[in-house]
Amino acid sequence: MRSRRSFLHFGFVAAATLAASSASALPAYHGSARGGGTVTARDDAARTFTAARRRRAWTYHVTDKTRFVVGGAQGSWSDVKVGTVVQVRWHRAGSRRVADVVSIRAR
């Protein structure tokens, strides 16, 4: 009897540990899948772009880990052009918005 209770206790502790560690490893997302807008500016040197939606503009920083998607296929930083419509998944790093996934609407 004691062996089974110890096994169950171990299982609950292991499950709680895995749940806590995987949740803390993920970045906290802000905004929604509908975030982003139309690209109004792009800075290659700083690797940033600005997207405007509903009279508001946000600047997103791009890193080596940023993933670009164009119409379901893999894209690249060169696909982000002024005038294209994008959706951005991002997290905050200090006061900066860092783009994790940039989905570019195919024309």
C-alpha atoms as a PDB file:
ATOM      1  CA  MET A   1       0.000   0.000   0.000  1.00  0.00           C
ATOM      2  CA  ARG A   2       2.752   2.430   0.899  1.00  0.00           C
ATOM      3  CA  SER A   3       4.572   1.673  -2.346  1.00  0.00           C
ATOM      4  CA  ARG A   4       1.555   2.599  -4.488  1.00  0.00           C
ATOM      5  CA  ARG A   5       0.974   5.849  -2.586  1.00  0.00           C
ATOM      6  CA  SER A   6       4.651   6.787  -2.974  1.00  0.00           C
ATOM      7  CA  PHE A   7       4.453   6.064  -6.690  1.00  0.00           C
ATOM      8  CA  LEU A   8       1.341   8.277  -7.078  1.00  0.00           C
ATOM      9  CA  HIS A   9       2.967  11.051  -5.078  1.00  0.00           C
ATOM     10  CA  PHE A  10       6.062  10.860  -7.272  1.00  0.00           C
ATOM     11  CA  GLY A  11       3.871  11.019 -10.395  1.00  0.00           C
ATOM     12  CA  PHE A  12       2.064  14.152  -9.211  1.00  0.00           C
ATOM     13  CA  VAL A  13       5.321  15.857  -8.254  1.00  0.00           C
ATOM     14  CA  ALA A  14       6.897  14.996 -11.616  1.00  0.00           C
ATOM     15  CA  ALA A  15       3.867  16.255 -13.554  1.00  0.00           C
ATOM     16  CA  ALA A  16       3.785  19.520 -11.588  1.00  0.00           C
ATOM     17  CA  THR A  17       7.512  20.058 -12.129  1.00  0.00           C
ATOM     18  CA  LEU A  18       7.251  19.493 -15.876  1.00  0.00           C
ATOM     19  CA  ALA A  19       4.241  21.789 -16.173  1.00  0.00           C
ATOM     20  CA  ALA A  20       5.960  24.578 -14.243  1.00  0.00           C
ATOM     21  CA  SER A  21       9.265  24.309 -16.115  1.00  0.00           C
ATOM     22  CA  SER A  22       7.715  24.275 -19.595  1.00  0.00           C
ATOM     23  CA  ALA A  23       5.422  27.201 -18.790  1.00  0.00           C
ATOM     24  CA  SER A  24       8.287  29.337 -17.523  1.00  0.00           C
ATOM     25  CA  ALA A  25      10.418  28.593 -20.608  1.00  0.00           C
ATOM     26  CA  LEU A  26       7.870  30.059 -23.026  1.00  0.00           C
ATOM     27  CA  PRO A  27       7.904  33.791 -23.740  1.00  0.00           C
ATOM     28  CA  ALA A  28       4.901  35.768 -22.581  1.00  0.00           C
ATOM     29  CA  TYR A  29       3.005  36.797 -25.693  1.00  0.00           C
ATOM     30  CA  HIS A  30       1.329  40.158 -25.921  1.00  0.00           C
ATOM     31  CA  GLY A  31      -1.125  41.248 -28.550  1.00  0.00           C
ATOM     32  CA  SER A  32      -2.960  38.685 -30.605  1.00  0.00           C
ATOM     33  CA  ALA A  33      -2.659  36.851 -33.886  1.00  0.00           C
ATOM     34  CA  ARG A  34      -4.441  39.848 -35.394  1.00  0.00           C
ATOM     35  CA  GLY A  35      -1.651  42.210 -34.268  1.00  0.00           C
ATOM     36  CA  GLY A  36       0.570  43.931 -36.759  1.00  0.00           C
ATOM     37  CA  GLY A  37      -0.895  45.835 -39.691  1.00  0.00           C
ATOM     38  CA  THR A  38       0.562  47.435 -42.793  1.00  0.00           C
ATOM     39  CA  VAL A  39       4.328  47.912 -42.825  1.00  0.00           C
ATOM     40  CA  THR A  40       5.065  51.639 -42.988  1.00  0.00           C
ATOM     41  CA  ALA A  41       8.838  51.623 -42.362  1.00  0.00           C
ATOM     42  CA  ARG A  42      11.751  49.223 -42.342  1.00  0.00           C
ATOM     43  CA  ASP A  43      15.267  49.751 -40.963  1.00  0.00           C
ATOM     44  CA  ASP A  44      17.807  47.183 -42.155  1.00  0.00           C
ATOM     45  CA  ALA A  45      20.623  48.463 -39.925  1.00  0.00           C
ATOM     46  CA  ALA A  46      18.580  48.220 -36.718  1.00  0.00           C
ATOM     47  CA  ARG A  47      16.587  45.207 -38.016  1.00  0.00           C
ATOM     48  CA  THR A  48      13.262  46.793 -37.099  1.00  0.00           C
ATOM     49  CA  PHE A  49      10.021  47.448 -38.916  1.00  0.00           C
ATOM     50  CA  THR A  50       6.988  49.540 -38.088  1.00  0.00           C
ATOM     51  CA  ALA A  51       3.455  48.303 -38.684  1.00  0.00           C
ATOM     52  CA  ALA A  52       0.418  50.584 -38.442  1.00  0.00           C
ATOM     53  CA  ARG A  53      -3.169  49.572 -37.753  1.00  0.00           C
ATOM     54  CA  ARG A  54      -6.135  51.742 -36.805  1.00  0.00           C
ATOM     55  CA  ARG A  55      -4.033  54.928 -36.647  1.00  0.00           C
ATOM     56  CA  ARG A  56      -1.550  53.308 -34.233  1.00  0.00           C
ATOM     57  CA  ALA A  57       1.969  52.262 -35.142  1.00  0.00           C
ATOM     58  CA  TRP A  58       4.212  49.761 -33.381  1.00  0.00           C
ATOM     59  CA  THR A  59       7.884  49.055 -33.972  1.00  0.00           C
ATOM     60  CA  TYR A  60       9.018  45.428 -33.840  1.00  0.00           C
ATOM     61  CA  HIS A  61      12.607  44.218 -33.514  1.00  0.00           C
ATOM     62  CA  VAL A  62      13.719  41.188 -35.512  1.00  0.00           C
ATOM     63  CA  THR A  63      16.259  38.656 -34.220  1.00  0.00           C
ATOM     64  CA  ASP A  64      17.934  35.552 -35.613  1.00  0.00           C
ATOM     65  CA  LYS A  65      15.176  33.508 -33.949  1.00  0.00           C
ATOM     66  CA  THR A  66      12.337  35.391 -35.668  1.00  0.00           C
ATOM     67  CA  ARG A  67      10.395  33.132 -38.027  1.00  0.00           C
ATOM     68  CA  PHE A  68       8.881  34.556 -41.224  1.00  0.00           C
ATOM     69  CA  VAL A  69       5.903  32.929 -42.954  1.00  0.00           C
ATOM     70  CA  VAL A  70       4.630  33.962 -46.397  1.00  0.00           C
ATOM     71  CA  GLY A  71       1.315  32.350 -47.342  1.00  0.00           C
ATOM     72  CA  GLY A  72       2.099  29.222 -45.316  1.00  0.00           C
ATOM     73  CA  ALA A  73       5.643  28.820 -46.694  1.00  0.00           C
ATOM     74  CA  GLN A  74       8.870  29.848 -45.016  1.00  0.00           C
ATOM     75  CA  GLY A  75       9.917  33.415 -45.732  1.00  0.00           C
ATOM     76  CA  SER A  76      12.757  35.729 -44.754  1.00  0.00           C
ATOM     77  CA  TRP A  77      13.494  39.265 -43.566  1.00  0.00           C
ATOM     78  CA  SER A  78      13.632  40.420 -47.195  1.00  0.00           C
ATOM     79  CA  ASP A  79       9.911  39.595 -47.568  1.00  0.00           C
ATOM     80  CA  VAL A  80       9.004  42.375 -45.104  1.00  0.00           C
ATOM     81  CA  LYS A  81       8.520  45.376 -47.383  1.00  0.00           C
ATOM     82  CA  VAL A  82       6.780  48.716 -46.985  1.00  0.00           C
ATOM     83  CA  GLY A  83       3.130  48.271 -47.927  1.00  0.00           C
ATOM     84  CA  THR A  84       2.812  44.582 -47.076  1.00  0.00           C
ATOM     85  CA  VAL A  85       0.283  43.409 -44.501  1.00  0.00           C
ATOM     86  CA  VAL A  86       1.725  41.435 -41.589  1.00  0.00           C
ATOM     87  CA  GLN A  87       0.550  39.693 -38.438  1.00  0.00           C
ATOM     88  CA  VAL A  88       3.078  39.594 -35.620  1.00  0.00           C
ATOM     89  CA  ARG A  89       3.466  37.348 -32.572  1.00  0.00           C
ATOM     90  CA  TRP A  90       5.852  39.089 -30.187  1.00  0.00           C
ATOM     91  CA  HIS A  91       7.177  39.270 -26.666  1.00  0.00           C
ATOM     92  CA  ARG A  92       8.505  42.172 -24.662  1.00  0.00           C
ATOM     93  CA  ALA A  93      12.233  42.423 -23.894  1.00  0.00           C
ATOM     94  CA  GLY A  94      12.568  45.461 -21.684  1.00  0.00           C
ATOM     95  CA  SER A  95      10.753  48.216 -23.524  1.00  0.00           C
ATOM     96  CA  ARG A  96      11.170  46.617 -26.966  1.00  0.00           C
ATOM     97  CA  ARG A  97       8.695  44.461 -28.855  1.00  0.00           C
ATOM     98  CA  VAL A  98      10.624  41.486 -30.222  1.00  0.00           C
ATOM     99  CA  ALA A  99       8.940  39.636 -33.095  1.00  0.00           C
ATOM    100  CA  ASP A 100       8.820  35.852 -32.762  1.00  0.00           C
ATOM    101  CA  VAL A 101       6.659  35.056 -35.804  1.00  0.00           C
ATOM    102  CA  VAL A 102       5.918  37.440 -38.671  1.00  0.00           C
ATOM    103  CA  SER A 103       3.169  36.210 -40.981  1.00  0.00           C
ATOM    104  CA  ILE A 104       3.167  38.062 -44.293  1.00  0.00           C
ATOM    105  CA  ARG A 105      -0.004  38.093 -46.347  1.00  0.00           C
ATOM    106  CA  ALA A 106       0.702  36.815 -49.858  1.00  0.00           C
ATOM    107  CA  ARG A 107      -0.556  39.068 -52.624  1.00  0.00           C
END
